[in-house]
Amino acid sequence: MTATTSDRSVRVRVGTILIYLSCLVLAGSAAAKVVQVPTVASKLAVLGFSGSKLLLIAGLELAGAILFAFPRTRAFGLLLLSAYLGGAVAAHVAHDQLPFQPAFVLALIWIGISLRHPEALASLRQAPTRSAFG
């Protein structure tokens, strides 16, 4: 085994661990919303999420985590979670709160993807041959 193969193997393992760790964090967060843990429910009520809205965002979060966990649906899960967590960051900023929690989870997801699936960011490493707009 060469150093390059070994480095790739470690990178893939670390990326996989980060992907599944983020899925666990998101599933736990969704569960806290569903059972309406008082501290979670009160913090989200300040942002305007309570009752059925809280259940809706818990469902979106859990659906994204499940889709992200499986390799065949990972790209769609990544898209859903990026939009969901981007919205969470925006909601925190709009209400003058620090968006560290959703931003950290989003960073964890993208670091995991970049390590496990570096081809997902391949377009960032290549010089464009022509404009995407024609």
Protein backbone atom coordinates (compact mmCIF):
# COMPACT_ATOMS: atom_id res chain seq x y z
CA MET A 1 0.00 0.00 0.00
CA THR A 2 1.46 3.32 -1.05
CA ALA A 3 1.28 6.52 0.93
CA THR A 4 -1.24 7.93 -1.54
CA THR A 5 -3.54 4.93 -1.18
CA SER A 6 -3.20 5.08 2.58
CA ASP A 7 -3.96 8.81 2.64
CA ARG A 8 -7.03 8.27 0.47
CA SER A 9 -8.22 5.46 2.72
CA VAL A 10 -7.91 7.62 5.84
CA ARG A 11 -9.61 10.54 4.10
CA VAL A 12 -12.53 8.34 3.01
CA ARG A 13 -12.91 6.87 6.53
CA VAL A 14 -12.86 10.27 8.21
CA GLY A 15 -15.34 11.62 5.65
CA THR A 16 -17.66 8.67 6.22
CA ILE A 17 -17.49 9.17 9.99
CA LEU A 18 -18.32 12.88 9.61
CA ILE A 19 -21.24 12.10 7.30
CA TYR A 20 -22.79 9.61 9.71
CA LEU A 21 -22.02 11.81 12.72
CA SER A 22 -23.89 14.70 11.08
CA CYS A 23 -26.81 12.33 10.35
CA LEU A 24 -26.92 11.39 14.04
CA VAL A 25 -26.81 15.04 15.12
CA LEU A 26 -29.65 15.91 12.74
CA ALA A 27 -31.76 12.90 13.76
CA GLY A 28 -31.29 13.84 17.43
CA SER A 29 -32.24 17.43 16.68
CA ALA A 30 -35.37 16.30 14.83
CA ALA A 31 -36.31 14.01 17.72
CA ALA A 32 -35.92 16.90 20.19
CA LYS A 33 -38.31 18.93 18.04
CA VAL A 34 -40.86 16.11 17.76
CA VAL A 35 -41.00 15.44 21.52
CA GLN A 36 -40.80 19.20 22.08
CA VAL A 37 -37.95 19.31 24.58
CA PRO A 38 -38.73 22.53 26.52
CA THR A 39 -35.42 24.31 25.85
CA VAL A 40 -35.53 23.45 22.14
CA ALA A 41 -39.20 24.36 21.77
CA SER A 42 -38.76 27.69 23.55
CA LYS A 43 -35.71 28.66 21.46
CA LEU A 44 -37.53 27.81 18.23
CA ALA A 45 -40.72 29.57 19.35
CA VAL A 46 -38.68 32.79 19.51
CA LEU A 47 -37.83 32.22 15.84
CA GLY A 48 -41.51 31.69 15.01
CA PHE A 49 -41.53 27.90 14.91
CA SER A 50 -44.04 26.24 17.20
CA GLY A 51 -46.81 23.66 16.97
CA SER A 52 -47.29 22.25 13.49
CA LYS A 53 -44.45 24.38 12.10
CA LEU A 54 -42.10 22.72 14.57
CA LEU A 55 -43.24 19.28 13.42
CA LEU A 56 -42.81 20.31 9.78
CA ILE A 57 -39.21 21.41 10.23
CA ALA A 58 -38.49 18.28 12.29
CA GLY A 59 -39.82 16.19 9.41
CA LEU A 60 -37.70 18.07 6.88
CA GLU A 61 -34.63 17.67 9.06
CA LEU A 62 -35.20 13.94 9.56
CA ALA A 63 -35.96 13.37 5.86
CA GLY A 64 -32.75 15.17 4.91
CA ALA A 65 -30.73 13.15 7.41
CA ILE A 66 -32.16 9.86 6.14
CA LEU A 67 -31.58 10.76 2.49
CA PHE A 68 -28.05 11.92 3.31
CA ALA A 69 -27.22 8.70 5.17
CA PHE A 70 -27.64 6.46 2.12
CA PRO A 71 -25.10 6.72 -0.72
CA ARG A 72 -27.75 6.39 -3.46
CA THR A 73 -29.72 9.39 -2.17
CA ARG A 74 -26.82 11.31 -0.62
CA ALA A 75 -26.72 14.02 -3.32
CA PHE A 76 -30.41 14.85 -2.84
CA GLY A 77 -29.98 14.71 0.95
CA LEU A 78 -27.03 17.09 0.66
CA LEU A 79 -29.13 19.51 -1.36
CA LEU A 80 -32.03 19.32 1.09
CA LEU A 81 -29.83 19.71 4.17
CA SER A 82 -27.85 22.58 2.66
CA ALA A 83 -31.08 24.45 1.97
CA TYR A 84 -32.55 23.56 5.38
CA LEU A 85 -29.47 24.59 7.35
CA GLY A 86 -28.96 27.69 5.21
CA GLY A 87 -32.50 28.67 6.15
CA ALA A 88 -31.71 27.98 9.80
CA VAL A 89 -28.67 30.26 9.61
CA ALA A 90 -30.82 32.97 7.98
CA ALA A 91 -33.54 32.62 10.65
CA HIS A 92 -30.97 33.01 13.42
CA VAL A 93 -29.40 36.05 11.78
CA ALA A 94 -32.83 37.62 11.14
CA HIS A 95 -33.61 37.37 14.85
CA ASP A 96 -30.23 38.74 15.99
CA GLN A 97 -29.00 35.37 17.24
CA LEU A 98 -25.65 33.75 16.60
CA PRO A 99 -26.00 31.03 13.94
CA PHE A 100 -23.17 28.83 15.25
CA GLN A 101 -25.16 25.62 15.71
CA PRO A 102 -26.64 25.30 12.20
CA ALA A 103 -23.48 26.70 10.60
CA PHE A 104 -21.34 24.13 12.46
CA VAL A 105 -23.55 21.23 11.33
CA LEU A 106 -23.53 22.53 7.75
CA ALA A 107 -19.73 22.79 7.85
CA LEU A 108 -19.51 19.25 9.26
CA ILE A 109 -21.64 17.98 6.39
CA TRP A 110 -19.58 19.70 3.70
CA ILE A 111 -16.25 18.69 5.23
CA GLY A 112 -17.49 15.08 5.31
CA ILE A 113 -18.60 15.29 1.68
CA SER A 114 -15.32 16.85 0.55
CA LEU A 115 -13.34 14.10 2.24
CA ARG A 116 -15.55 11.15 1.29
CA HIS A 117 -16.60 12.35 -2.18
CA PRO A 118 -13.93 14.80 -3.43
CA GLU A 119 -15.42 14.59 -6.92
CA ALA A 120 -18.39 16.59 -5.57
CA LEU A 121 -16.13 19.64 -5.54
CA ALA A 122 -14.24 18.80 -8.74
CA SER A 123 -15.59 21.81 -10.62
CA LEU A 124 -13.84 24.06 -8.12
CA ARG A 125 -10.46 22.56 -9.00
CA GLN A 126 -10.74 22.74 -12.78
CA ALA A 127 -10.37 25.81 -14.94
CA PRO A 128 -13.56 26.36 -16.93
CA THR A 129 -13.22 25.50 -20.61
CA ARG A 130 -16.20 27.63 -21.62
CA SER A 131 -18.92 29.65 -20.00
CA ALA A 132 -21.81 27.74 -18.49
CA PHE A 133 -24.15 30.36 -19.94
CA GLY A 134 -23.28 29.79 -23.58
